[in-house]
Amino acid sequence: MTIVADRILDPAADAAAARVRPGALARLARSPSVLVGAVIIFFMVAVALLAPLLGTVDPARIDPTYRNKLPMSERTITMASGAKETRTYLMGTDSLGRDVYSRVVYGARISLVVGVGVAAISVAIGLVIGLVSGYIRWLDGIVMRFMDGMMAIPGILLAIALVSVWGAGLATVVIAIVVPEIPRVVRLVRSVVLTIREEPYVEAAISVGTPTPLILIRHVLPNTIAPLIVQGTYICAFAILVEAILSFLGIGIPPQIPTWGNIMAEGRTLFRVFPHNILFPGVFLALTVLAVNMLGDGLRDTLDPRMSKRV
């Protein structure tokens, strides 16, 4: 093993690393959790992107004359030209006569945007804070006490406070979910950094005068990627679920915007008579959260060396 500038050259380690990546990809391809989760997520993403094509009518269109119709109900509409069109409501209509199918399809957009957005923002912010906190010893105690204080704030109470100040909206919901998730990411990254900073190759980089930012980027950051990917999937699933809960409680996305939580909130009063208003968005929500969690479990089993030995 030799030291060149700020990098340690180890041919045996480089060869082993070259073999790990194809092996990890092969294990991912064989993992049932990853395959099933990826297929469902791909389907939900396709539904969200193709919502204008898949939706039958405007999700906000109100028709009081055709309220609370059961799934697969058909209606003949006379067009302005005199032609007649038969419209099928695949998932029925709600109490305002809006097409539940179109609202569920468009609702996928909000849920996925919130999930991916919260995961990306919380991981990015938590990664930077965790790297600095774990590597700079004198700063660690100050940062972690602040993180402990943030974790003591319940997410629902924070959401209510933010909504009361800024008003209900997508940005408010994202911030309300991101803030409680940042400390969890910081603690995860910090635990990895505390171990990596004592490794010989990091000490060797320090001994040759490598700047601290370069050490963090070259030697510490790559070791945090695998656990962060897994953590990001769990944050995404949790954010999708929390957004639905906040919307269901009426403190999330405004009710005029179709989201799965809003659809279920509007249908709860007539649930016993017309359960389809809650059933269909609930199924889509459950499948999405389940798929993201399955993908996270598969990634954990593959990227964690201790778990991959059992596969």
C-alpha atoms as a PDB file:
ATOM      1  CA  MET A   1       0.000   0.000   0.000  1.00  0.00           C
ATOM      2  CA  THR A   2       1.349   3.446  -0.898  1.00  0.00           C
ATOM      3  CA  ILE A   3       0.266   7.003  -0.208  1.00  0.00           C
ATOM      4  CA  VAL A   4       0.118   9.358  -3.164  1.00  0.00           C
ATOM      5  CA  ALA A   5      -0.685  12.999  -2.311  1.00  0.00           C
ATOM      6  CA  ASP A   6      -4.013  12.844  -0.493  1.00  0.00           C
ATOM      7  CA  ARG A   7      -5.119   9.409  -1.672  1.00  0.00           C
ATOM      8  CA  ILE A   8      -4.193   5.902  -0.601  1.00  0.00           C
ATOM      9  CA  LEU A   9      -3.581   3.466  -3.416  1.00  0.00           C
ATOM     10  CA  ASP A  10      -4.389  -0.140  -2.590  1.00  0.00           C
ATOM     11  CA  PRO A  11      -4.677  -2.404  -5.691  1.00  0.00           C
ATOM     12  CA  ALA A  12      -6.345  -5.207  -3.760  1.00  0.00           C
ATOM     13  CA  ALA A  13      -8.978  -2.851  -2.352  1.00  0.00           C
ATOM     14  CA  ASP A  14      -9.626  -1.314  -5.771  1.00  0.00           C
ATOM     15  CA  ALA A  15     -10.133  -4.754  -7.308  1.00  0.00           C
ATOM     16  CA  ALA A  16     -12.510  -5.740  -4.529  1.00  0.00           C
ATOM     17  CA  ALA A  17     -14.495  -2.536  -4.985  1.00  0.00           C
ATOM     18  CA  ALA A  18     -14.763  -3.230  -8.697  1.00  0.00           C
ATOM     19  CA  ARG A  19     -16.285  -6.618  -7.932  1.00  0.00           C
ATOM     20  CA  VAL A  20     -18.751  -5.280  -5.379  1.00  0.00           C
ATOM     21  CA  ARG A  21     -20.741  -3.069  -7.718  1.00  0.00           C
ATOM     22  CA  PRO A  22     -21.785  -5.741 -10.242  1.00  0.00           C
ATOM     23  CA  GLY A  23     -22.510  -8.103  -7.364  1.00  0.00           C
ATOM     24  CA  ALA A  24     -24.722  -5.542  -5.678  1.00  0.00           C
ATOM     25  CA  LEU A  25     -26.619  -4.921  -8.905  1.00  0.00           C
ATOM     26  CA  ALA A  26     -27.108  -8.649  -9.382  1.00  0.00           C
ATOM     27  CA  ARG A  27     -28.463  -8.998  -5.827  1.00  0.00           C
ATOM     28  CA  LEU A  28     -30.815  -6.082  -6.448  1.00  0.00           C
ATOM     29  CA  ALA A  29     -32.100  -7.771  -9.600  1.00  0.00           C
ATOM     30  CA  ARG A  30     -32.762 -10.979  -7.626  1.00  0.00           C
ATOM     31  CA  SER A  31     -34.477  -9.275  -4.683  1.00  0.00           C
ATOM     32  CA  PRO A  32     -38.263  -9.784  -4.761  1.00  0.00           C
ATOM     33  CA  SER A  33     -38.788  -6.730  -2.549  1.00  0.00           C
ATOM     34  CA  VAL A  34     -36.854  -4.474  -4.908  1.00  0.00           C
ATOM     35  CA  LEU A  35     -38.567  -5.833  -8.012  1.00  0.00           C
ATOM     36  CA  VAL A  36     -42.115  -5.593  -6.656  1.00  0.00           C
ATOM     37  CA  GLY A  37     -41.508  -2.200  -5.080  1.00  0.00           C
ATOM     38  CA  ALA A  38     -39.876  -0.812  -8.228  1.00  0.00           C
ATOM     39  CA  VAL A  39     -42.730  -2.022 -10.453  1.00  0.00           C
ATOM     40  CA  ILE A  40     -45.405  -0.427  -8.254  1.00  0.00           C
ATOM     41  CA  ILE A  41     -43.446   2.819  -7.950  1.00  0.00           C
ATOM     42  CA  PHE A  42     -42.912   2.920 -11.714  1.00  0.00           C
ATOM     43  CA  PHE A  43     -46.657   2.457 -12.178  1.00  0.00           C
ATOM     44  CA  MET A  44     -47.474   5.292  -9.750  1.00  0.00           C
ATOM     45  CA  VAL A  45     -44.955   7.614 -11.386  1.00  0.00           C
ATOM     46  CA  ALA A  46     -46.430   6.825 -14.804  1.00  0.00           C
ATOM     47  CA  VAL A  47     -49.929   7.558 -13.476  1.00  0.00           C
ATOM     48  CA  ALA A  48     -48.756  10.904 -12.081  1.00  0.00           C
ATOM     49  CA  LEU A  49     -46.936  11.959 -15.246  1.00  0.00           C
ATOM     50  CA  LEU A  50     -49.747  10.855 -17.568  1.00  0.00           C
ATOM     51  CA  ALA A  51     -52.569  12.232 -15.407  1.00  0.00           C
ATOM     52  CA  PRO A  52     -53.811  14.648 -18.130  1.00  0.00           C
ATOM     53  CA  LEU A  53     -54.098  11.699 -20.530  1.00  0.00           C
ATOM     54  CA  LEU A  54     -55.450   9.147 -18.057  1.00  0.00           C
ATOM     55  CA  GLY A  55     -57.978  11.451 -16.388  1.00  0.00           C
ATOM     56  CA  THR A  56     -61.398  11.330 -17.973  1.00  0.00           C
ATOM     57  CA  VAL A  57     -62.603  14.785 -16.876  1.00  0.00           C
ATOM     58  CA  ASP A  58     -61.355  17.823 -15.005  1.00  0.00           C
ATOM     59  CA  PRO A  59     -60.804  16.662 -11.380  1.00  0.00           C
ATOM     60  CA  ALA A  60     -62.189  19.969 -10.076  1.00  0.00           C
ATOM     61  CA  ARG A  61     -65.343  19.884 -12.237  1.00  0.00           C
ATOM     62  CA  ILE A  62     -68.456  19.908 -10.026  1.00  0.00           C
ATOM     63  CA  ASP A  63     -71.713  18.356 -11.226  1.00  0.00           C
ATOM     64  CA  PRO A  64     -74.428  18.543  -8.515  1.00  0.00           C
ATOM     65  CA  THR A  65     -76.830  16.591 -10.734  1.00  0.00           C
ATOM     66  CA  TYR A  66     -74.653  13.473 -10.630  1.00  0.00           C
ATOM     67  CA  ARG A  67     -73.509  13.144  -7.029  1.00  0.00           C
ATOM     68  CA  ASN A  68     -72.458  10.030  -5.082  1.00  0.00           C
ATOM     69  CA  LYS A  69     -72.664   7.596  -7.976  1.00  0.00           C
ATOM     70  CA  LEU A  70     -71.241   4.116  -7.553  1.00  0.00           C
ATOM     71  CA  PRO A  71     -68.214   2.875  -9.512  1.00  0.00           C
ATOM     72  CA  MET A  72     -68.747   1.955 -13.182  1.00  0.00           C
ATOM     73  CA  SER A  73     -71.792   4.218 -13.402  1.00  0.00           C
ATOM     74  CA  GLU A  74     -72.546   5.388 -16.936  1.00  0.00           C
ATOM     75  CA  ARG A  75     -74.057   8.662 -18.046  1.00  0.00           C
ATOM     76  CA  THR A  76     -75.107   9.870 -21.486  1.00  0.00           C
ATOM     77  CA  ILE A  77     -74.192  13.506 -22.164  1.00  0.00           C
ATOM     78  CA  THR A  78     -75.534  15.573 -25.054  1.00  0.00           C
ATOM     79  CA  MET A  79     -72.763  17.682 -26.555  1.00  0.00           C
ATOM     80  CA  ALA A  80     -73.206  21.216 -27.933  1.00  0.00           C
ATOM     81  CA  SER A  81     -73.149  19.805 -31.468  1.00  0.00           C
ATOM     82  CA  GLY A  82     -76.073  17.556 -30.632  1.00  0.00           C
ATOM     83  CA  ALA A  83     -73.973  14.379 -30.517  1.00  0.00           C
ATOM     84  CA  LYS A  84     -74.366  12.100 -27.510  1.00  0.00           C
ATOM     85  CA  GLU A  85     -71.436  10.806 -25.476  1.00  0.00           C
ATOM     86  CA  THR A  86     -71.526   8.017 -22.919  1.00  0.00           C
ATOM     87  CA  ARG A  87     -69.205   8.698 -19.983  1.00  0.00           C
ATOM     88  CA  THR A  88     -68.210   5.940 -17.551  1.00  0.00           C
ATOM     89  CA  TYR A  89     -67.199   6.865 -14.003  1.00  0.00           C
ATOM     90  CA  LEU A  90     -64.742   4.090 -13.165  1.00  0.00           C
ATOM     91  CA  MET A  91     -64.561   4.950  -9.458  1.00  0.00           C
ATOM     92  CA  GLY A  92     -67.889   6.753  -9.130  1.00  0.00           C
ATOM     93  CA  THR A  93     -68.428  10.349  -8.059  1.00  0.00           C
ATOM     94  CA  ASP A  94     -68.177  12.167  -4.733  1.00  0.00           C
ATOM     95  CA  SER A  95     -70.708  14.300  -2.858  1.00  0.00           C
ATOM     96  CA  LEU A  96     -70.097  17.231  -5.243  1.00  0.00           C
ATOM     97  CA  GLY A  97     -70.370  15.171  -8.409  1.00  0.00           C
ATOM     98  CA  ARG A  98     -66.635  15.155  -9.127  1.00  0.00           C
ATOM     99  CA  ASP A  99     -65.058  12.152 -10.823  1.00  0.00           C
ATOM    100  CA  VAL A 100     -63.229  10.146  -8.151  1.00  0.00           C
ATOM    101  CA  TYR A 101     -61.038   8.385 -10.717  1.00  0.00           C
ATOM    102  CA  SER A 102     -59.679  11.654 -12.132  1.00  0.00           C
ATOM    103  CA  ARG A 103     -59.097  13.018  -8.643  1.00  0.00           C
ATOM    104  CA  VAL A 104     -57.207   9.894  -7.568  1.00  0.00           C
ATOM    105  CA  VAL A 105     -55.031  10.022 -10.689  1.00  0.00           C
ATOM    106  CA  TYR A 106     -54.174  13.690 -10.215  1.00  0.00           C
ATOM    107  CA  GLY A 107     -53.705  13.117  -6.479  1.00  0.00           C
ATOM    108  CA  ALA A 108     -50.731  10.878  -7.241  1.00  0.00           C
ATOM    109  CA  ARG A 109     -48.818  13.956  -8.363  1.00  0.00           C
ATOM    110  CA  ILE A 110     -49.041  15.724  -5.010  1.00  0.00           C
ATOM    111  CA  SER A 111     -48.187  12.612  -3.006  1.00  0.00           C
ATOM    112  CA  LEU A 112     -45.102  11.783  -5.069  1.00  0.00           C
ATOM    113  CA  VAL A 113     -43.916  15.390  -5.149  1.00  0.00           C
ATOM    114  CA  VAL A 114     -44.215  15.627  -1.373  1.00  0.00           C
ATOM    115  CA  GLY A 115     -42.525  12.268  -0.800  1.00  0.00           C
ATOM    116  CA  VAL A 116     -39.584  12.805  -3.132  1.00  0.00           C
ATOM    117  CA  GLY A 117     -39.241  16.482  -2.205  1.00  0.00           C
ATOM    118  CA  VAL A 118     -39.172  15.840   1.540  1.00  0.00           C
ATOM    119  CA  ALA A 119     -36.693  12.976   1.133  1.00  0.00           C
ATOM    120  CA  ALA A 120     -34.349  15.004  -1.082  1.00  0.00           C
ATOM    121  CA  ILE A 121     -34.404  18.151   1.067  1.00  0.00           C
ATOM    122  CA  SER A 122     -34.058  16.399   4.414  1.00  0.00           C
ATOM    123  CA  VAL A 123     -31.249  14.150   3.157  1.00  0.00           C
ATOM    124  CA  ALA A 124     -29.358  17.056   1.588  1.00  0.00           C
ATOM    125  CA  ILE A 125     -29.567  19.272   4.684  1.00  0.00           C
ATOM    126  CA  GLY A 126     -28.981  16.416   7.123  1.00  0.00           C
ATOM    127  CA  LEU A 127     -25.991  15.181   5.130  1.00  0.00           C
ATOM    128  CA  VAL A 128     -24.176  18.516   5.314  1.00  0.00           C
ATOM    129  CA  ILE A 129     -24.886  19.011   9.020  1.00  0.00           C
ATOM    130  CA  GLY A 130     -24.035  15.390   9.851  1.00  0.00           C
ATOM    131  CA  LEU A 131     -20.699  15.522   8.006  1.00  0.00           C
ATOM    132  CA  VAL A 132     -19.633  18.704   9.758  1.00  0.00           C
ATOM    133  CA  SER A 133     -20.906  17.620  13.164  1.00  0.00           C
ATOM    134  CA  GLY A 134     -19.336  14.177  13.051  1.00  0.00           C
ATOM    135  CA  TYR A 135     -15.940  15.300  11.769  1.00  0.00           C
ATOM    136  CA  ILE A 136     -15.399  18.517  13.746  1.00  0.00           C
ATOM    137  CA  ARG A 137     -15.212  17.348  17.346  1.00  0.00           C
ATOM    138  CA  TRP A 138     -15.763  20.658  19.144  1.00  0.00           C
ATOM    139  CA  LEU A 139     -18.875  21.370  17.063  1.00  0.00           C
ATOM    140  CA  ASP A 140     -20.427  17.945  17.611  1.00  0.00           C
ATOM    141  CA  GLY A 141     -21.866  18.600  21.064  1.00  0.00           C
ATOM    142  CA  ILE A 142     -23.464  21.901  20.105  1.00  0.00           C
ATOM    143  CA  VAL A 143     -25.080  20.578  16.925  1.00  0.00           C
ATOM    144  CA  MET A 144     -26.372  17.378  18.477  1.00  0.00           C
ATOM    145  CA  ARG A 145     -27.989  19.159  21.414  1.00  0.00           C
ATOM    146  CA  PHE A 146     -29.789  21.377  18.920  1.00  0.00           C
ATOM    147  CA  MET A 147     -30.884  18.296  16.953  1.00  0.00           C
ATOM    148  CA  ASP A 148     -32.172  16.679  20.139  1.00  0.00           C
ATOM    149  CA  GLY A 149     -34.264  19.775  20.772  1.00  0.00           C
ATOM    150  CA  MET A 150     -35.719  19.624  17.240  1.00  0.00           C
ATOM    151  CA  MET A 151     -36.646  15.960  17.677  1.00  0.00           C
ATOM    152  CA  ALA A 152     -38.696  16.914  20.728  1.00  0.00           C
ATOM    153  CA  ILE A 153     -41.129  18.912  18.549  1.00  0.00           C
ATOM    154  CA  PRO A 154     -44.073  16.748  17.379  1.00  0.00           C
ATOM    155  CA  GLY A 155     -44.508  16.961  13.630  1.00  0.00           C
ATOM    156  CA  ILE A 156     -48.282  17.472  13.789  1.00  0.00           C
ATOM    157  CA  LEU A 157     -47.980  20.386  16.214  1.00  0.00           C
ATOM    158  CA  LEU A 158     -45.312  21.945  14.030  1.00  0.00           C
ATOM    159  CA  ALA A 159     -47.556  21.587  10.987  1.00  0.00           C
ATOM    160  CA  ILE A 160     -50.462  23.262  12.794  1.00  0.00           C
ATOM    161  CA  ALA A 161     -48.203  26.142  13.862  1.00  0.00           C
ATOM    162  CA  LEU A 162     -46.804  26.633  10.354  1.00  0.00           C
ATOM    163  CA  VAL A 163     -50.255  26.508   8.764  1.00  0.00           C
ATOM    164  CA  SER A 164     -51.547  29.100  11.217  1.00  0.00           C
ATOM    165  CA  VAL A 165     -48.684  31.435  10.292  1.00  0.00           C
ATOM    166  CA  TRP A 166     -48.216  30.801   6.560  1.00  0.00           C
ATOM    167  CA  GLY A 167     -51.539  29.244   5.576  1.00  0.00           C
ATOM    168  CA  ALA A 168     -52.222  25.815   4.107  1.00  0.00           C
ATOM    169  CA  GLY A 169     -50.208  24.935   1.037  1.00  0.00           C
ATOM    170  CA  LEU A 170     -47.736  22.540  -0.532  1.00  0.00           C
ATOM    171  CA  ALA A 171     -44.658  24.435   0.660  1.00  0.00           C
ATOM    172  CA  THR A 172     -45.966  24.553   4.234  1.00  0.00           C
ATOM    173  CA  VAL A 173     -46.604  20.809   4.268  1.00  0.00           C
ATOM    174  CA  VAL A 174     -43.149  20.036   2.864  1.00  0.00           C
ATOM    175  CA  ILE A 175     -41.415  22.243   5.442  1.00  0.00           C
ATOM    176  CA  ALA A 176     -43.521  20.809   8.268  1.00  0.00           C
ATOM    177  CA  ILE A 177     -42.425  17.275   7.353  1.00  0.00           C
ATOM    178  CA  VAL A 178     -38.803  18.138   6.503  1.00  0.00           C
ATOM    179  CA  VAL A 179     -37.962  19.813   9.820  1.00  0.00           C
ATOM    180  CA  PRO A 180     -38.591  16.751  12.052  1.00  0.00           C
ATOM    181  CA  GLU A 181     -36.750  14.478   9.581  1.00  0.00           C
ATOM    182  CA  ILE A 182     -33.507  16.474   9.452  1.00  0.00           C
ATOM    183  CA  PRO A 183     -32.299  15.420  12.949  1.00  0.00           C
ATOM    184  CA  ARG A 184     -32.785  11.752  12.084  1.00  0.00           C
ATOM    185  CA  VAL A 185     -30.634  12.096   8.980  1.00  0.00           C
ATOM    186  CA  VAL A 186     -28.031  14.077  10.931  1.00  0.00           C
ATOM    187  CA  ARG A 187     -27.754  11.354  13.564  1.00  0.00           C
ATOM    188  CA  LEU A 188     -27.393   8.675  10.892  1.00  0.00           C
ATOM    189  CA  VAL A 189     -24.648  10.531   9.002  1.00  0.00           C
ATOM    190  CA  ARG A 190     -22.882  11.473  12.224  1.00  0.00           C
ATOM    191  CA  SER A 191     -22.721   7.839  13.350  1.00  0.00           C
ATOM    192  CA  VAL A 192     -21.077   6.876  10.057  1.00  0.00           C
ATOM    193  CA  VAL A 193     -18.619   9.797  10.188  1.00  0.00           C
ATOM    194  CA  LEU A 194     -17.585   8.993  13.766  1.00  0.00           C
ATOM    195  CA  THR A 195     -16.464   5.566  12.558  1.00  0.00           C
ATOM    196  CA  ILE A 196     -14.897   6.643   9.265  1.00  0.00           C
ATOM    197  CA  ARG A 197     -12.823   9.495  10.686  1.00  0.00           C
ATOM    198  CA  GLU A 198     -10.781   6.996  12.741  1.00  0.00           C
ATOM    199  CA  GLU A 199      -9.895   4.836   9.721  1.00  0.00           C
ATOM    200  CA  PRO A 200      -6.229   4.668   8.637  1.00  0.00           C
ATOM    201  CA  TYR A 201      -6.860   6.085   5.179  1.00  0.00           C
ATOM    202  CA  VAL A 202      -8.474   9.194   6.693  1.00  0.00           C
ATOM    203  CA  GLU A 203      -5.565   9.631   9.099  1.00  0.00           C
ATOM    204  CA  ALA A 204      -3.184   9.203   6.183  1.00  0.00           C
ATOM    205  CA  ALA A 205      -5.005  11.903   4.228  1.00  0.00           C
ATOM    206  CA  ILE A 206      -4.755  14.217   7.238  1.00  0.00           C
ATOM    207  CA  SER A 207      -1.037  13.497   7.599  1.00  0.00           C
ATOM    208  CA  VAL A 208      -0.299  14.645   4.050  1.00  0.00           C
ATOM    209  CA  GLY A 209      -2.146  17.911   4.602  1.00  0.00           C
ATOM    210  CA  THR A 210      -5.380  17.265   2.744  1.00  0.00           C
ATOM    211  CA  PRO A 211      -7.908  20.064   3.400  1.00  0.00           C
ATOM    212  CA  THR A 212     -10.866  19.103   5.561  1.00  0.00           C
ATOM    213  CA  PRO A 213     -13.518  19.738   2.868  1.00  0.00           C
ATOM    214  CA  LEU A 214     -11.619  17.465   0.462  1.00  0.00           C
ATOM    215  CA  ILE A 215     -11.388  14.717   3.081  1.00  0.00           C
ATOM    216  CA  LEU A 216     -15.114  14.913   3.703  1.00  0.00           C
ATOM    217  CA  ILE A 217     -15.930  14.747  -0.011  1.00  0.00           C
ATOM    218  CA  ARG A 218     -13.423  12.081  -1.076  1.00  0.00           C
ATOM    219  CA  HIS A 219     -13.164   9.762   1.909  1.00  0.00           C
ATOM    220  CA  VAL A 220     -16.162  10.292   4.195  1.00  0.00           C
ATOM    221  CA  LEU A 221     -19.044  11.162   1.877  1.00  0.00           C
ATOM    222  CA  PRO A 222     -18.897   7.938  -0.240  1.00  0.00           C
ATOM    223  CA  ASN A 223     -19.381   5.840   2.896  1.00  0.00           C
ATOM    224  CA  THR A 224     -22.643   7.619   3.717  1.00  0.00           C
ATOM    225  CA  ILE A 225     -24.304   7.072   0.328  1.00  0.00           C
ATOM    226  CA  ALA A 226     -25.634   3.550   0.958  1.00  0.00           C
ATOM    227  CA  PRO A 227     -27.317   4.237   4.340  1.00  0.00           C
ATOM    228  CA  LEU A 228     -28.658   7.555   3.050  1.00  0.00           C
ATOM    229  CA  ILE A 229     -30.313   5.883   0.058  1.00  0.00           C
ATOM    230  CA  VAL A 230     -32.082   3.465   2.376  1.00  0.00           C
ATOM    231  CA  GLN A 231     -33.032   6.213   4.818  1.00  0.00           C
ATOM    232  CA  GLY A 232     -34.298   8.345   1.946  1.00  0.00           C
ATOM    233  CA  THR A 233     -36.781   5.669   0.886  1.00  0.00           C
ATOM    234  CA  TYR A 234     -38.210   5.435   4.398  1.00  0.00           C
ATOM    235  CA  ILE A 235     -38.484   9.227   4.623  1.00  0.00           C
ATOM    236  CA  CYS A 236     -40.286   9.283   1.270  1.00  0.00           C
ATOM    237  CA  ALA A 237     -42.851   6.703   2.423  1.00  0.00           C
ATOM    238  CA  PHE A 238     -43.335   8.476   5.741  1.00  0.00           C
ATOM    239  CA  ALA A 239     -43.782  11.861   4.031  1.00  0.00           C
ATOM    240  CA  ILE A 240     -46.454  10.507   1.681  1.00  0.00           C
ATOM    241  CA  LEU A 241     -48.341   9.093   4.649  1.00  0.00           C
ATOM    242  CA  VAL A 242     -48.010  12.242   6.766  1.00  0.00           C
ATOM    243  CA  GLU A 243     -49.197  14.453   3.902  1.00  0.00           C
ATOM    244  CA  ALA A 244     -52.326  12.310   3.610  1.00  0.00           C
ATOM    245  CA  ILE A 245     -52.879  12.543   7.377  1.00  0.00           C
ATOM    246  CA  LEU A 246     -52.473  16.330   7.406  1.00  0.00           C
ATOM    247  CA  SER A 247     -54.814  16.735   4.433  1.00  0.00           C
ATOM    248  CA  PHE A 248     -57.310  14.381   6.056  1.00  0.00           C
ATOM    249  CA  LEU A 249     -57.244  16.550   9.191  1.00  0.00           C
ATOM    250  CA  GLY A 250     -57.745  19.683   7.092  1.00  0.00           C
ATOM    251  CA  ILE A 251     -54.355  21.300   7.896  1.00  0.00           C
ATOM    252  CA  GLY A 252     -52.443  20.241   4.808  1.00  0.00           C
ATOM    253  CA  ILE A 253     -53.036  20.835   1.114  1.00  0.00           C
ATOM    254  CA  PRO A 254     -56.066  23.097   0.415  1.00  0.00           C
ATOM    255  CA  PRO A 255     -59.221  21.020  -0.187  1.00  0.00           C
ATOM    256  CA  GLN A 256     -59.712  22.285  -3.749  1.00  0.00           C
ATOM    257  CA  ILE A 257     -56.466  20.560  -4.781  1.00  0.00           C
ATOM    258  CA  PRO A 258     -56.994  16.809  -5.364  1.00  0.00           C
ATOM    259  CA  THR A 259     -54.837  14.736  -3.032  1.00  0.00           C
ATOM    260  CA  TRP A 260     -55.459  11.286  -1.642  1.00  0.00           C
ATOM    261  CA  GLY A 261     -55.852  12.722   1.856  1.00  0.00           C
ATOM    262  CA  ASN A 262     -58.330  15.357   0.715  1.00  0.00           C
ATOM    263  CA  ILE A 263     -60.401  12.816  -1.203  1.00  0.00           C
ATOM    264  CA  MET A 264     -60.660  10.567   1.844  1.00  0.00           C
ATOM    265  CA  ALA A 265     -61.444  13.534   4.107  1.00  0.00           C
ATOM    266  CA  GLU A 266     -64.317  14.626   1.897  1.00  0.00           C
ATOM    267  CA  GLY A 267     -65.734  11.109   1.711  1.00  0.00           C
ATOM    268  CA  ARG A 268     -65.565  10.197   5.396  1.00  0.00           C
ATOM    269  CA  THR A 269     -69.000  11.584   6.266  1.00  0.00           C
ATOM    270  CA  LEU A 270     -70.718   9.187   3.841  1.00  0.00           C
ATOM    271  CA  PHE A 271     -68.287   6.307   4.237  1.00  0.00           C
ATOM    272  CA  ARG A 272     -70.869   3.728   5.281  1.00  0.00           C
ATOM    273  CA  VAL A 273     -73.152   4.513   2.358  1.00  0.00           C
ATOM    274  CA  PHE A 274     -70.559   5.332  -0.332  1.00  0.00           C
ATOM    275  CA  PRO A 275     -67.276   3.682   0.730  1.00  0.00           C
ATOM    276  CA  HIS A 276     -65.701   4.111  -2.726  1.00  0.00           C
ATOM    277  CA  ASN A 277     -64.795   7.732  -1.894  1.00  0.00           C
ATOM    278  CA  ILE A 278     -62.307   6.459   0.673  1.00  0.00           C
ATOM    279  CA  LEU A 279     -61.557   2.974  -0.654  1.00  0.00           C
ATOM    280  CA  PHE A 280     -59.863   3.889  -3.940  1.00  0.00           C
ATOM    281  CA  PRO A 281     -57.556   6.687  -2.739  1.00  0.00           C
ATOM    282  CA  GLY A 282     -56.789   4.563   0.316  1.00  0.00           C
ATOM    283  CA  VAL A 283     -55.711   1.642  -1.873  1.00  0.00           C
ATOM    284  CA  PHE A 284     -53.449   3.884  -3.975  1.00  0.00           C
ATOM    285  CA  LEU A 285     -51.941   5.405  -0.821  1.00  0.00           C
ATOM    286  CA  ALA A 286     -51.339   2.025   0.803  1.00  0.00           C
ATOM    287  CA  LEU A 287     -49.772   0.558  -2.349  1.00  0.00           C
ATOM    288  CA  THR A 288     -47.424   3.512  -2.761  1.00  0.00           C
ATOM    289  CA  VAL A 289     -46.231   3.484   0.838  1.00  0.00           C
ATOM    290  CA  LEU A 290     -45.858  -0.301   0.759  1.00  0.00           C
ATOM    291  CA  ALA A 291     -43.860  -0.181  -2.486  1.00  0.00           C
ATOM    292  CA  VAL A 292     -41.448   2.464  -1.197  1.00  0.00           C
ATOM    293  CA  ASN A 293     -40.928   0.525   2.037  1.00  0.00           C
ATOM    294  CA  MET A 294     -40.329  -2.709   0.108  1.00  0.00           C
ATOM    295  CA  LEU A 295     -37.774  -0.931  -2.054  1.00  0.00           C
ATOM    296  CA  GLY A 296     -36.064   0.412   1.052  1.00  0.00           C
ATOM    297  CA  ASP A 297     -35.951  -3.044   2.649  1.00  0.00           C
ATOM    298  CA  GLY A 298     -34.471  -4.533  -0.510  1.00  0.00           C
ATOM    299  CA  LEU A 299     -31.838  -1.804  -0.735  1.00  0.00           C
ATOM    300  CA  ARG A 300     -30.950  -2.283   2.921  1.00  0.00           C
ATOM    301  CA  ASP A 301     -30.544  -6.035   2.489  1.00  0.00           C
ATOM    302  CA  THR A 302     -28.329  -5.487  -0.563  1.00  0.00           C
ATOM    303  CA  LEU A 303     -26.217  -2.521   0.498  1.00  0.00           C
ATOM    304  CA  ASP A 304     -25.653  -3.621   4.097  1.00  0.00           C
ATOM    305  CA  PRO A 305     -22.690  -6.061   4.069  1.00  0.00           C
ATOM    306  CA  ARG A 306     -24.007  -7.899   7.121  1.00  0.00           C
ATOM    307  CA  MET A 307     -27.385  -8.474   5.466  1.00  0.00           C
ATOM    308  CA  SER A 308     -25.992  -9.264   2.009  1.00  0.00           C
ATOM    309  CA  LYS A 309     -24.044 -12.231   3.412  1.00  0.00           C
ATOM    310  CA  ARG A 310     -27.330 -13.886   4.317  1.00  0.00           C
ATOM    311  CA  VAL A 311     -28.829 -13.410   0.844  1.00  0.00           C
END
